[in-house]
Amino acid sequence: MDTHVGSVDGPSPAAVNGAVGCPASAPGCPIMSSHPVVSAGEASLGRHLARRLVQVGVSDVFAVPGDFNLTLLDHLVDEPGLRLIGCCNELNAGYAADGYARARGVGACAVTFTVGGLSVLNAIAGAYSENLPVICIAGGPNSNDYGTNRILHHTIGIPDFSQELRCFQTVTCHQAVVTNLDDAHEQIDTAIATALRESKPVYLSISCNLPGLPHPTFTRDPVPFFLAPRMSNKMGLEAAVEATVEFLNKAVKPVLVAGPKLRVAKAGKAFVDLVDASGYAYAIMPSAKGFVPETHPQRTRPSSCSLSVSSSGTARHSAAS
């Protein structure tokens, strides 16, 4: 298995109009591939996952090899358009995927069972708090080991393989444990779609003996990857706009505040349009730096404060805009 460190070059071609893998104007989002239908010999679980990652705009997977994910990583490497970026440790891989998701709309990392999963956990928790769609792929135990009461390495010494899953349940919006081929296609697609729809990380565990196995559902057709469109309640939206306008019209000196949710809503341009149309001043939270221009004439400037102490010991505070 060859791994290399490469640069993350430019925006993904699958990210169009701010939407991952789907033009914003499309009523639905069937993510089709430019590749022909794969042959039965190539229709393996590992290649299916690799193709799905490419289809949604992931071209780099940040990984730390381990004996539970080696076969899966081989299949990721074999996919054209997908690069495997080797990392020093799982936490680095997780934070690299975090940054990749900020820049490209969605990121992915691959780790091994338990020791890798628990190590990457802090980065995934950070991605959850920042509303970043990161697909965390973990190599899992052999599907034949479930229910055997065996104690495996990479565990805490008990025949319970669910410790890693339980840890991820609190910091991901969806968890999938793939232990058989019959529903693997559905589980993989559901996990990826949920990450994109909720803009949150997901956990995807794949048994180490499955990536190289073929299954009819892993061919491109007849099941294209599909993202359901976001639906808007027209009446609710109109009521919200009316209430907002009424609230702002009563304000004496209204100030708009740009926050981190602008990235999730892909609303940076809409925010600037609102500033221009309303003439309101605006401020930017530290967690939203870079989402909207800081050179706009209506942006408020942070105050510079000074503190002096008089001879009597009284503190005097002065501020200048």
C-alpha atoms as a PDB file:
ATOM      1  CA  MET A   1       0.000   0.000   0.000  1.00  0.00           C
ATOM      2  CA  ASP A   2       1.499   3.315  -1.094  1.00  0.00           C
ATOM      3  CA  THR A   3       0.772   6.456   0.833  1.00  0.00           C
ATOM      4  CA  HIS A   4       2.063   9.914   0.160  1.00  0.00           C
ATOM      5  CA  VAL A   5       1.692  13.434   1.398  1.00  0.00           C
ATOM      6  CA  GLY A   6       0.199  15.738  -1.186  1.00  0.00           C
ATOM      7  CA  SER A   7      -1.236  19.212  -1.253  1.00  0.00           C
ATOM      8  CA  VAL A   8      -4.946  19.903  -1.163  1.00  0.00           C
ATOM      9  CA  ASP A   9      -5.367  21.660  -4.480  1.00  0.00           C
ATOM     10  CA  GLY A  10      -8.289  23.959  -5.166  1.00  0.00           C
ATOM     11  CA  PRO A  11     -11.994  23.384  -4.792  1.00  0.00           C
ATOM     12  CA  SER A  12     -13.495  20.044  -5.597  1.00  0.00           C
ATOM     13  CA  PRO A  13     -15.225  19.845  -8.987  1.00  0.00           C
ATOM     14  CA  ALA A  14     -18.125  18.168  -7.207  1.00  0.00           C
ATOM     15  CA  ALA A  15     -18.749  21.269  -5.101  1.00  0.00           C
ATOM     16  CA  VAL A  16     -20.881  23.544  -7.254  1.00  0.00           C
ATOM     17  CA  ASN A  17     -22.636  26.721  -6.117  1.00  0.00           C
ATOM     18  CA  GLY A  18     -21.672  26.012  -2.534  1.00  0.00           C
ATOM     19  CA  ALA A  19     -23.355  22.602  -2.422  1.00  0.00           C
ATOM     20  CA  VAL A  20     -21.341  19.425  -2.090  1.00  0.00           C
ATOM     21  CA  GLY A  21     -21.870  17.214  -5.098  1.00  0.00           C
ATOM     22  CA  CYS A  22     -25.038  19.001  -6.140  1.00  0.00           C
ATOM     23  CA  PRO A  23     -25.844  22.283  -7.898  1.00  0.00           C
ATOM     24  CA  ALA A  24     -27.945  24.472  -5.647  1.00  0.00           C
ATOM     25  CA  SER A  25     -30.553  24.889  -8.367  1.00  0.00           C
ATOM     26  CA  ALA A  26     -31.248  21.184  -8.697  1.00  0.00           C
ATOM     27  CA  PRO A  27     -34.587  20.012  -7.252  1.00  0.00           C
ATOM     28  CA  GLY A  28     -32.974  16.789  -6.079  1.00  0.00           C
ATOM     29  CA  CYS A  29     -29.407  15.639  -6.033  1.00  0.00           C
ATOM     30  CA  PRO A  30     -28.586  12.445  -7.904  1.00  0.00           C
ATOM     31  CA  ILE A  31     -24.797  12.220  -7.787  1.00  0.00           C
ATOM     32  CA  MET A  32     -23.863  10.429 -10.958  1.00  0.00           C
ATOM     33  CA  SER A  33     -20.430   9.221 -11.934  1.00  0.00           C
ATOM     34  CA  SER A  34     -18.588   9.777 -15.178  1.00  0.00           C
ATOM     35  CA  HIS A  35     -17.139   6.263 -14.969  1.00  0.00           C
ATOM     36  CA  PRO A  36     -18.852   3.343 -16.722  1.00  0.00           C
ATOM     37  CA  VAL A  37     -20.664   0.654 -14.797  1.00  0.00           C
ATOM     38  CA  VAL A  38     -18.083  -1.450 -12.981  1.00  0.00           C
ATOM     39  CA  SER A  39     -17.557  -5.112 -13.682  1.00  0.00           C
ATOM     40  CA  ALA A  40     -18.556  -7.772 -11.188  1.00  0.00           C
ATOM     41  CA  GLY A  41     -14.897  -8.300 -10.280  1.00  0.00           C
ATOM     42  CA  GLU A  42     -14.505  -4.650  -9.250  1.00  0.00           C
ATOM     43  CA  ALA A  43     -17.832  -4.442  -7.436  1.00  0.00           C
ATOM     44  CA  SER A  44     -16.340  -4.835  -3.960  1.00  0.00           C
ATOM     45  CA  LEU A  45     -17.302  -3.046  -0.783  1.00  0.00           C
ATOM     46  CA  GLY A  46     -13.995  -1.197  -0.601  1.00  0.00           C
ATOM     47  CA  ARG A  47     -14.214   0.109  -4.154  1.00  0.00           C
ATOM     48  CA  HIS A  48     -17.848   1.078  -3.649  1.00  0.00           C
ATOM     49  CA  LEU A  49     -16.947   3.197  -0.619  1.00  0.00           C
ATOM     50  CA  ALA A  50     -14.040   4.750  -2.522  1.00  0.00           C
ATOM     51  CA  ARG A  51     -16.279   5.666  -5.462  1.00  0.00           C
ATOM     52  CA  ARG A  52     -18.886   7.182  -3.166  1.00  0.00           C
ATOM     53  CA  LEU A  53     -16.252   9.389  -1.534  1.00  0.00           C
ATOM     54  CA  VAL A  54     -15.084  10.627  -4.929  1.00  0.00           C
ATOM     55  CA  GLN A  55     -18.661  11.256  -6.044  1.00  0.00           C
ATOM     56  CA  VAL A  56     -19.400  13.590  -3.121  1.00  0.00           C
ATOM     57  CA  GLY A  57     -16.202  15.579  -3.605  1.00  0.00           C
ATOM     58  CA  VAL A  58     -13.589  13.827  -1.451  1.00  0.00           C
ATOM     59  CA  SER A  59     -10.310  13.397  -3.307  1.00  0.00           C
ATOM     60  CA  ASP A  60      -8.034  12.945  -0.266  1.00  0.00           C
ATOM     61  CA  VAL A  61      -8.502  10.589   2.693  1.00  0.00           C
ATOM     62  CA  PHE A  62      -6.317  11.159   5.759  1.00  0.00           C
ATOM     63  CA  ALA A  63      -5.365   7.806   7.213  1.00  0.00           C
ATOM     64  CA  VAL A  64      -3.317   5.897   9.750  1.00  0.00           C
ATOM     65  CA  PRO A  65      -2.855   2.240   8.726  1.00  0.00           C
ATOM     66  CA  GLY A  66      -3.620  -0.579  11.130  1.00  0.00           C
ATOM     67  CA  ASP A  67      -4.237  -4.292  10.741  1.00  0.00           C
ATOM     68  CA  PHE A  68      -8.018  -3.811  10.870  1.00  0.00           C
ATOM     69  CA  ASN A  69      -8.108  -1.338   7.961  1.00  0.00           C
ATOM     70  CA  LEU A  70      -5.212  -2.407   5.700  1.00  0.00           C
ATOM     71  CA  THR A  71      -7.386  -4.174   3.118  1.00  0.00           C
ATOM     72  CA  LEU A  72      -9.808  -1.264   3.025  1.00  0.00           C
ATOM     73  CA  LEU A  73      -6.971   1.218   2.504  1.00  0.00           C
ATOM     74  CA  ASP A  74      -5.696  -0.861  -0.423  1.00  0.00           C
ATOM     75  CA  HIS A  75      -9.065  -0.434  -2.127  1.00  0.00           C
ATOM     76  CA  LEU A  76      -9.105   3.298  -1.434  1.00  0.00           C
ATOM     77  CA  VAL A  77      -5.662   3.622  -3.014  1.00  0.00           C
ATOM     78  CA  ASP A  78      -6.831   1.758  -6.120  1.00  0.00           C
ATOM     79  CA  GLU A  79      -9.642   4.223  -6.824  1.00  0.00           C
ATOM     80  CA  PRO A  80      -8.754   6.798  -9.518  1.00  0.00           C
ATOM     81  CA  GLY A  81      -9.209  10.312  -8.219  1.00  0.00           C
ATOM     82  CA  LEU A  82      -8.709   9.362  -4.580  1.00  0.00           C
ATOM     83  CA  ARG A  83      -5.428   9.899  -2.731  1.00  0.00           C
ATOM     84  CA  LEU A  84      -4.454   8.395   0.595  1.00  0.00           C
ATOM     85  CA  ILE A  85      -2.619  10.873   2.819  1.00  0.00           C
ATOM     86  CA  GLY A  86      -0.615   9.075   5.489  1.00  0.00           C
ATOM     87  CA  CYS A  87      -0.602  10.820   8.883  1.00  0.00           C
ATOM     88  CA  CYS A  88       1.645  10.455  11.931  1.00  0.00           C
ATOM     89  CA  ASN A  89      -1.259   9.667  14.240  1.00  0.00           C
ATOM     90  CA  GLU A  90      -5.035   9.518  14.280  1.00  0.00           C
ATOM     91  CA  LEU A  91      -5.534  12.893  15.922  1.00  0.00           C
ATOM     92  CA  ASN A  92      -3.576  14.512  13.091  1.00  0.00           C
ATOM     93  CA  ALA A  93      -5.717  12.633  10.568  1.00  0.00           C
ATOM     94  CA  GLY A  94      -8.909  13.810  12.244  1.00  0.00           C
ATOM     95  CA  TYR A  95      -7.885  17.456  12.352  1.00  0.00           C
ATOM     96  CA  ALA A  96      -6.648  17.268   8.751  1.00  0.00           C
ATOM     97  CA  ALA A  97     -10.090  15.989   7.730  1.00  0.00           C
ATOM     98  CA  ASP A  98     -11.612  18.817   9.790  1.00  0.00           C
ATOM     99  CA  GLY A  99      -9.623  21.425   7.868  1.00  0.00           C
ATOM    100  CA  TYR A 100     -10.350  19.685   4.576  1.00  0.00           C
ATOM    101  CA  ALA A 101     -14.088  19.848   5.300  1.00  0.00           C
ATOM    102  CA  ARG A 102     -13.806  23.576   6.015  1.00  0.00           C
ATOM    103  CA  ALA A 103     -12.081  24.173   2.679  1.00  0.00           C
ATOM    104  CA  ARG A 104     -13.818  21.632   0.457  1.00  0.00           C
ATOM    105  CA  GLY A 105     -17.229  21.021   2.034  1.00  0.00           C
ATOM    106  CA  VAL A 106     -16.678  17.439   3.223  1.00  0.00           C
ATOM    107  CA  GLY A 107     -13.707  15.484   4.588  1.00  0.00           C
ATOM    108  CA  ALA A 108     -12.804  11.893   5.434  1.00  0.00           C
ATOM    109  CA  CYS A 109     -10.350  10.048   7.647  1.00  0.00           C
ATOM    110  CA  ALA A 110      -9.617   6.342   8.069  1.00  0.00           C
ATOM    111  CA  VAL A 111      -8.367   4.696  11.270  1.00  0.00           C
ATOM    112  CA  THR A 112      -8.099   1.253  12.800  1.00  0.00           C
ATOM    113  CA  PHE A 113     -10.262  -0.434  15.426  1.00  0.00           C
ATOM    114  CA  THR A 114     -10.526   1.096  18.937  1.00  0.00           C
ATOM    115  CA  VAL A 115      -6.944   2.320  19.419  1.00  0.00           C
ATOM    116  CA  GLY A 116      -7.337   4.405  16.276  1.00  0.00           C
ATOM    117  CA  GLY A 117     -10.972   5.266  16.860  1.00  0.00           C
ATOM    118  CA  LEU A 118     -10.456   6.480  20.414  1.00  0.00           C
ATOM    119  CA  SER A 119      -7.413   8.485  19.336  1.00  0.00           C
ATOM    120  CA  VAL A 120      -9.295  10.377  16.608  1.00  0.00           C
ATOM    121  CA  LEU A 121     -12.291  10.993  18.867  1.00  0.00           C
ATOM    122  CA  ASN A 122     -11.287  14.486  20.026  1.00  0.00           C
ATOM    123  CA  ALA A 123     -10.962  15.754  16.457  1.00  0.00           C
ATOM    124  CA  ILE A 124     -14.351  14.301  15.546  1.00  0.00           C
ATOM    125  CA  ALA A 125     -15.899  15.966  18.592  1.00  0.00           C
ATOM    126  CA  GLY A 126     -14.433  19.260  17.403  1.00  0.00           C
ATOM    127  CA  ALA A 127     -15.901  18.727  13.938  1.00  0.00           C
ATOM    128  CA  TYR A 128     -19.275  18.070  15.554  1.00  0.00           C
ATOM    129  CA  SER A 129     -19.152  21.352  17.473  1.00  0.00           C
ATOM    130  CA  GLU A 130     -18.117  23.206  14.297  1.00  0.00           C
ATOM    131  CA  ASN A 131     -20.821  21.603  12.112  1.00  0.00           C
ATOM    132  CA  LEU A 132     -18.382  19.948   9.721  1.00  0.00           C
ATOM    133  CA  PRO A 133     -19.302  16.886   7.633  1.00  0.00           C
ATOM    134  CA  VAL A 134     -16.386  14.545   8.355  1.00  0.00           C
ATOM    135  CA  ILE A 135     -16.735  10.868   7.431  1.00  0.00           C
ATOM    136  CA  CYS A 136     -14.767   8.870  10.002  1.00  0.00           C
ATOM    137  CA  ILE A 137     -14.083   5.380   8.632  1.00  0.00           C
ATOM    138  CA  ALA A 138     -12.860   2.768  11.095  1.00  0.00           C
ATOM    139  CA  GLY A 139     -11.701  -0.730  10.291  1.00  0.00           C
ATOM    140  CA  GLY A 140     -13.664  -3.132  12.478  1.00  0.00           C
ATOM    141  CA  PRO A 141     -13.267  -6.704  13.736  1.00  0.00           C
ATOM    142  CA  ASN A 142     -13.788  -9.646  11.423  1.00  0.00           C
ATOM    143  CA  SER A 143     -17.530 -10.150  11.014  1.00  0.00           C
ATOM    144  CA  ASN A 144     -17.083 -13.785  12.092  1.00  0.00           C
ATOM    145  CA  ASP A 145     -15.720 -12.668  15.479  1.00  0.00           C
ATOM    146  CA  TYR A 146     -18.954 -11.011  16.587  1.00  0.00           C
ATOM    147  CA  GLY A 147     -20.762 -13.144  19.156  1.00  0.00           C
ATOM    148  CA  THR A 148     -17.852 -15.550  19.666  1.00  0.00           C
ATOM    149  CA  ASN A 149     -16.869 -14.189  23.095  1.00  0.00           C
ATOM    150  CA  ARG A 150     -13.294 -13.796  21.860  1.00  0.00           C
ATOM    151  CA  ILE A 151     -10.959 -11.186  23.275  1.00  0.00           C
ATOM    152  CA  LEU A 152      -9.218  -9.367  20.426  1.00  0.00           C
ATOM    153  CA  HIS A 153      -6.210  -7.104  20.368  1.00  0.00           C
ATOM    154  CA  HIS A 154      -6.939  -3.364  20.091  1.00  0.00           C
ATOM    155  CA  THR A 155      -9.632  -3.784  22.738  1.00  0.00           C
ATOM    156  CA  ILE A 156      -9.633  -3.167  26.489  1.00  0.00           C
ATOM    157  CA  GLY A 157      -9.533  -6.902  27.154  1.00  0.00           C
ATOM    158  CA  ILE A 158     -13.226  -7.740  27.119  1.00  0.00           C
ATOM    159  CA  PRO A 159     -15.214  -9.553  24.394  1.00  0.00           C
ATOM    160  CA  ASP A 160     -17.361  -6.477  23.764  1.00  0.00           C
ATOM    161  CA  PHE A 161     -16.616  -4.752  20.462  1.00  0.00           C
ATOM    162  CA  SER A 162     -19.029  -1.869  20.995  1.00  0.00           C
ATOM    163  CA  GLN A 163     -16.849   0.406  23.137  1.00  0.00           C
ATOM    164  CA  GLU A 164     -15.688   2.454  20.152  1.00  0.00           C
ATOM    165  CA  LEU A 165     -19.241   2.752  18.816  1.00  0.00           C
ATOM    166  CA  ARG A 166     -20.575   3.960  22.169  1.00  0.00           C
ATOM    167  CA  CYS A 167     -17.917   6.672  22.324  1.00  0.00           C
ATOM    168  CA  PHE A 168     -18.801   7.954  18.854  1.00  0.00           C
ATOM    169  CA  GLN A 169     -22.540   8.031  19.523  1.00  0.00           C
ATOM    170  CA  THR A 170     -22.249  11.308  21.437  1.00  0.00           C
ATOM    171  CA  VAL A 171     -20.072  13.166  18.896  1.00  0.00           C
ATOM    172  CA  THR A 172     -21.496  12.053  15.538  1.00  0.00           C
ATOM    173  CA  CYS A 173     -24.935  12.482  14.000  1.00  0.00           C
ATOM    174  CA  HIS A 174     -25.040   8.943  12.593  1.00  0.00           C
ATOM    175  CA  GLN A 175     -23.266   5.652  13.248  1.00  0.00           C
ATOM    176  CA  ALA A 176     -23.114   2.601  10.986  1.00  0.00           C
ATOM    177  CA  VAL A 177     -21.434  -0.733  11.725  1.00  0.00           C
ATOM    178  CA  VAL A 178     -21.102  -2.806   8.547  1.00  0.00           C
ATOM    179  CA  THR A 179     -20.781  -6.516   9.336  1.00  0.00           C
ATOM    180  CA  ASN A 180     -22.445  -8.071   6.271  1.00  0.00           C
ATOM    181  CA  LEU A 181     -22.672  -7.343   2.560  1.00  0.00           C
ATOM    182  CA  ASP A 182     -26.435  -7.448   2.127  1.00  0.00           C
ATOM    183  CA  ASP A 183     -27.078  -4.035   3.679  1.00  0.00           C
ATOM    184  CA  ALA A 184     -23.577  -2.542   3.328  1.00  0.00           C
ATOM    185  CA  HIS A 185     -24.560  -0.459   0.289  1.00  0.00           C
ATOM    186  CA  GLU A 186     -27.482   1.092   2.143  1.00  0.00           C
ATOM    187  CA  GLN A 187     -25.505   1.694   5.338  1.00  0.00           C
ATOM    188  CA  ILE A 188     -22.625   3.401   3.525  1.00  0.00           C
ATOM    189  CA  ASP A 189     -24.888   5.617   1.435  1.00  0.00           C
ATOM    190  CA  THR A 190     -27.046   6.542   4.424  1.00  0.00           C
ATOM    191  CA  ALA A 191     -24.000   7.519   6.484  1.00  0.00           C
ATOM    192  CA  ILE A 192     -22.545   9.732   3.747  1.00  0.00           C
ATOM    193  CA  ALA A 193     -25.901  11.329   2.945  1.00  0.00           C
ATOM    194  CA  THR A 194     -26.539  12.058   6.628  1.00  0.00           C
ATOM    195  CA  ALA A 195     -23.152  13.754   7.025  1.00  0.00           C
ATOM    196  CA  LEU A 196     -23.867  16.025   4.067  1.00  0.00           C
ATOM    197  CA  ARG A 197     -27.462  16.744   5.033  1.00  0.00           C
ATOM    198  CA  GLU A 198     -26.785  17.474   8.714  1.00  0.00           C
ATOM    199  CA  SER A 199     -23.324  19.008   8.204  1.00  0.00           C
ATOM    200  CA  LYS A 200     -22.017  16.876  11.062  1.00  0.00           C
ATOM    201  CA  PRO A 201     -19.475  14.033  11.320  1.00  0.00           C
ATOM    202  CA  VAL A 202     -20.540  10.400  10.986  1.00  0.00           C
ATOM    203  CA  TYR A 203     -18.957   7.135  12.134  1.00  0.00           C
ATOM    204  CA  LEU A 204     -18.642   4.246   9.692  1.00  0.00           C
ATOM    205  CA  SER A 205     -17.147   0.954  10.903  1.00  0.00           C
ATOM    206  CA  ILE A 206     -16.401  -1.755   8.326  1.00  0.00           C
ATOM    207  CA  SER A 207     -15.417  -5.295   9.277  1.00  0.00           C
ATOM    208  CA  CYS A 208     -11.874  -6.011   8.144  1.00  0.00           C
ATOM    209  CA  ASN A 209     -12.799  -9.120   6.115  1.00  0.00           C
ATOM    210  CA  LEU A 210     -15.398  -7.375   3.915  1.00  0.00           C
ATOM    211  CA  PRO A 211     -13.667  -4.677   1.788  1.00  0.00           C
ATOM    212  CA  GLY A 212     -12.465  -7.110  -0.885  1.00  0.00           C
ATOM    213  CA  LEU A 213     -15.729  -9.032  -1.223  1.00  0.00           C
ATOM    214  CA  PRO A 214     -18.054  -8.374  -4.202  1.00  0.00           C
ATOM    215  CA  HIS A 215     -21.813  -7.906  -4.101  1.00  0.00           C
ATOM    216  CA  PRO A 216     -24.343  -7.058  -6.839  1.00  0.00           C
ATOM    217  CA  THR A 217     -25.375  -3.820  -5.103  1.00  0.00           C
ATOM    218  CA  PHE A 218     -21.859  -2.395  -5.458  1.00  0.00           C
ATOM    219  CA  THR A 219     -22.195  -1.854  -9.211  1.00  0.00           C
ATOM    220  CA  ARG A 220     -22.939   1.728 -10.283  1.00  0.00           C
ATOM    221  CA  ASP A 221     -26.421   1.003 -11.561  1.00  0.00           C
ATOM    222  CA  PRO A 222     -29.265   0.695 -10.816  1.00  0.00           C
ATOM    223  CA  VAL A 223     -28.886   2.541  -7.493  1.00  0.00           C
ATOM    224  CA  PRO A 224     -27.382   6.029  -7.982  1.00  0.00           C
ATOM    225  CA  PHE A 225     -26.356   7.984  -4.932  1.00  0.00           C
ATOM    226  CA  PHE A 226     -29.084  10.485  -4.123  1.00  0.00           C
ATOM    227  CA  LEU A 227     -29.316  13.381  -1.690  1.00  0.00           C
ATOM    228  CA  ALA A 228     -32.841  14.441  -0.841  1.00  0.00           C
ATOM    229  CA  PRO A 229     -33.352  18.189  -1.359  1.00  0.00           C
ATOM    230  CA  ARG A 230     -33.881  20.459   1.621  1.00  0.00           C
ATOM    231  CA  MET A 231     -37.519  21.437   1.829  1.00  0.00           C
ATOM    232  CA  SER A 232     -38.658  24.872   2.990  1.00  0.00           C
ATOM    233  CA  ASN A 233     -41.960  25.714   4.633  1.00  0.00           C
ATOM    234  CA  LYS A 234     -43.099  28.716   2.589  1.00  0.00           C
ATOM    235  CA  MET A 235     -45.643  29.958   5.127  1.00  0.00           C
ATOM    236  CA  GLY A 236     -43.207  29.543   7.999  1.00  0.00           C
ATOM    237  CA  LEU A 237     -40.487  31.365   6.066  1.00  0.00           C
ATOM    238  CA  GLU A 238     -42.776  34.292   5.251  1.00  0.00           C
ATOM    239  CA  ALA A 239     -43.856  34.556   8.887  1.00  0.00           C
ATOM    240  CA  ALA A 240     -40.226  34.525  10.026  1.00  0.00           C
ATOM    241  CA  VAL A 241     -39.295  37.267   7.546  1.00  0.00           C
ATOM    242  CA  GLU A 242     -42.215  39.438   8.656  1.00  0.00           C
ATOM    243  CA  ALA A 243     -41.312  39.016  12.332  1.00  0.00           C
ATOM    244  CA  THR A 244     -37.667  39.840  11.605  1.00  0.00           C
ATOM    245  CA  VAL A 245     -38.545  42.965   9.628  1.00  0.00           C
ATOM    246  CA  GLU A 246     -40.864  44.154  12.386  1.00  0.00           C
ATOM    247  CA  PHE A 247     -38.155  43.596  14.993  1.00  0.00           C
ATOM    248  CA  LEU A 248     -35.473  45.411  12.981  1.00  0.00           C
ATOM    249  CA  ASN A 249     -37.727  48.357  12.167  1.00  0.00           C
ATOM    250  CA  LYS A 250     -38.137  49.020  15.887  1.00  0.00           C
ATOM    251  CA  ALA A 251     -34.389  49.028  16.500  1.00  0.00           C
ATOM    252  CA  VAL A 252     -32.619  52.364  17.009  1.00  0.00           C
ATOM    253  CA  LYS A 253     -29.116  51.303  15.951  1.00  0.00           C
ATOM    254  CA  PRO A 254     -29.334  47.743  14.626  1.00  0.00           C
ATOM    255  CA  VAL A 255     -26.104  45.819  14.134  1.00  0.00           C
ATOM    256  CA  LEU A 256     -25.879  42.501  12.314  1.00  0.00           C
ATOM    257  CA  VAL A 257     -23.516  39.861  13.712  1.00  0.00           C
ATOM    258  CA  ALA A 258     -21.910  37.262  11.446  1.00  0.00           C
ATOM    259  CA  GLY A 259     -21.615  33.931  13.255  1.00  0.00           C
ATOM    260  CA  PRO A 260     -20.257  30.444  12.517  1.00  0.00           C
ATOM    261  CA  LYS A 261     -23.599  29.116  11.249  1.00  0.00           C
ATOM    262  CA  LEU A 262     -23.057  31.086   8.035  1.00  0.00           C
ATOM    263  CA  ARG A 263     -20.791  28.289   6.824  1.00  0.00           C
ATOM    264  CA  VAL A 264     -23.369  25.581   7.477  1.00  0.00           C
ATOM    265  CA  ALA A 265     -26.060  27.551   5.651  1.00  0.00           C
ATOM    266  CA  LYS A 266     -23.613  28.633   2.914  1.00  0.00           C
ATOM    267  CA  ALA A 267     -25.017  32.105   3.515  1.00  0.00           C
ATOM    268  CA  GLY A 268     -21.923  34.305   3.425  1.00  0.00           C
ATOM    269  CA  LYS A 269     -22.962  36.082   0.224  1.00  0.00           C
ATOM    270  CA  ALA A 270     -26.570  36.401   1.416  1.00  0.00           C
ATOM    271  CA  PHE A 271     -25.323  38.054   4.611  1.00  0.00           C
ATOM    272  CA  VAL A 272     -23.337  40.636   2.646  1.00  0.00           C
ATOM    273  CA  ASP A 273     -26.339  41.244   0.380  1.00  0.00           C
ATOM    274  CA  LEU A 274     -28.445  41.922   3.485  1.00  0.00           C
ATOM    275  CA  VAL A 275     -25.825  44.353   4.780  1.00  0.00           C
ATOM    276  CA  ASP A 276     -25.794  46.222   1.464  1.00  0.00           C
ATOM    277  CA  ALA A 277     -29.580  46.337   1.174  1.00  0.00           C
ATOM    278  CA  SER A 278     -30.247  47.387   4.772  1.00  0.00           C
ATOM    279  CA  GLY A 279     -27.335  49.740   5.337  1.00  0.00           C
ATOM    280  CA  TYR A 280     -26.825  48.240   8.814  1.00  0.00           C
ATOM    281  CA  ALA A 281     -23.428  48.016  10.429  1.00  0.00           C
ATOM    282  CA  TYR A 282     -22.148  44.523  11.108  1.00  0.00           C
ATOM    283  CA  ALA A 283     -19.655  42.746  13.311  1.00  0.00           C
ATOM    284  CA  ILE A 284     -17.902  39.406  12.906  1.00  0.00           C
ATOM    285  CA  MET A 285     -17.553  36.808  15.640  1.00  0.00           C
ATOM    286  CA  PRO A 286     -14.057  35.286  15.962  1.00  0.00           C
ATOM    287  CA  SER A 287     -15.487  31.895  14.982  1.00  0.00           C
ATOM    288  CA  ALA A 288     -16.795  33.390  11.718  1.00  0.00           C
ATOM    289  CA  LYS A 289     -13.611  35.051  10.503  1.00  0.00           C
ATOM    290  CA  GLY A 290     -13.172  34.577   6.787  1.00  0.00           C
ATOM    291  CA  PHE A 291     -16.844  33.937   6.048  1.00  0.00           C
ATOM    292  CA  VAL A 292     -17.625  37.569   5.144  1.00  0.00           C
ATOM    293  CA  PRO A 293     -15.347  40.456   4.098  1.00  0.00           C
ATOM    294  CA  GLU A 294     -13.610  42.399   6.845  1.00  0.00           C
ATOM    295  CA  THR A 295     -12.900  45.365   4.556  1.00  0.00           C
ATOM    296  CA  HIS A 296     -16.538  46.310   3.980  1.00  0.00           C
ATOM    297  CA  PRO A 297     -17.209  49.979   4.920  1.00  0.00           C
ATOM    298  CA  GLN A 298     -20.145  48.987   7.139  1.00  0.00           C
ATOM    299  CA  ARG A 299     -18.127  46.624   9.289  1.00  0.00           C
ATOM    300  CA  THR A 300     -17.676  47.857  12.850  1.00  0.00           C
ATOM    301  CA  ARG A 301     -14.121  48.099  14.091  1.00  0.00           C
ATOM    302  CA  PRO A 302     -13.072  46.477  17.367  1.00  0.00           C
ATOM    303  CA  SER A 303     -12.273  48.959  20.105  1.00  0.00           C
ATOM    304  CA  SER A 304      -8.784  49.366  21.486  1.00  0.00           C
ATOM    305  CA  CYS A 305      -8.781  49.764  25.231  1.00  0.00           C
ATOM    306  CA  SER A 306      -6.202  51.149  27.611  1.00  0.00           C
ATOM    307  CA  LEU A 307      -6.025  50.976  31.381  1.00  0.00           C
ATOM    308  CA  SER A 308      -4.174  53.527  33.473  1.00  0.00           C
ATOM    309  CA  VAL A 309      -3.777  53.931  37.214  1.00  0.00           C
ATOM    310  CA  SER A 310      -3.685  57.363  38.833  1.00  0.00           C
ATOM    311  CA  SER A 311      -1.397  58.323  41.694  1.00  0.00           C
ATOM    312  CA  SER A 312      -4.297  57.722  44.077  1.00  0.00           C
ATOM    313  CA  GLY A 313      -4.610  54.149  42.862  1.00  0.00           C
ATOM    314  CA  THR A 314      -7.852  54.712  40.915  1.00  0.00           C
ATOM    315  CA  ALA A 315      -8.052  52.762  37.668  1.00  0.00           C
ATOM    316  CA  ARG A 316      -9.176  54.661  34.611  1.00  0.00           C
ATOM    317  CA  HIS A 317     -10.461  52.897  31.513  1.00  0.00           C
ATOM    318  CA  SER A 318     -10.541  54.514  28.092  1.00  0.00           C
ATOM    319  CA  ALA A 319     -11.632  53.092  24.757  1.00  0.00           C
ATOM    320  CA  ALA A 320     -11.209  54.286  21.203  1.00  0.00           C
ATOM    321  CA  SER A 321     -13.010  52.896  18.196  1.00  0.00           C
END
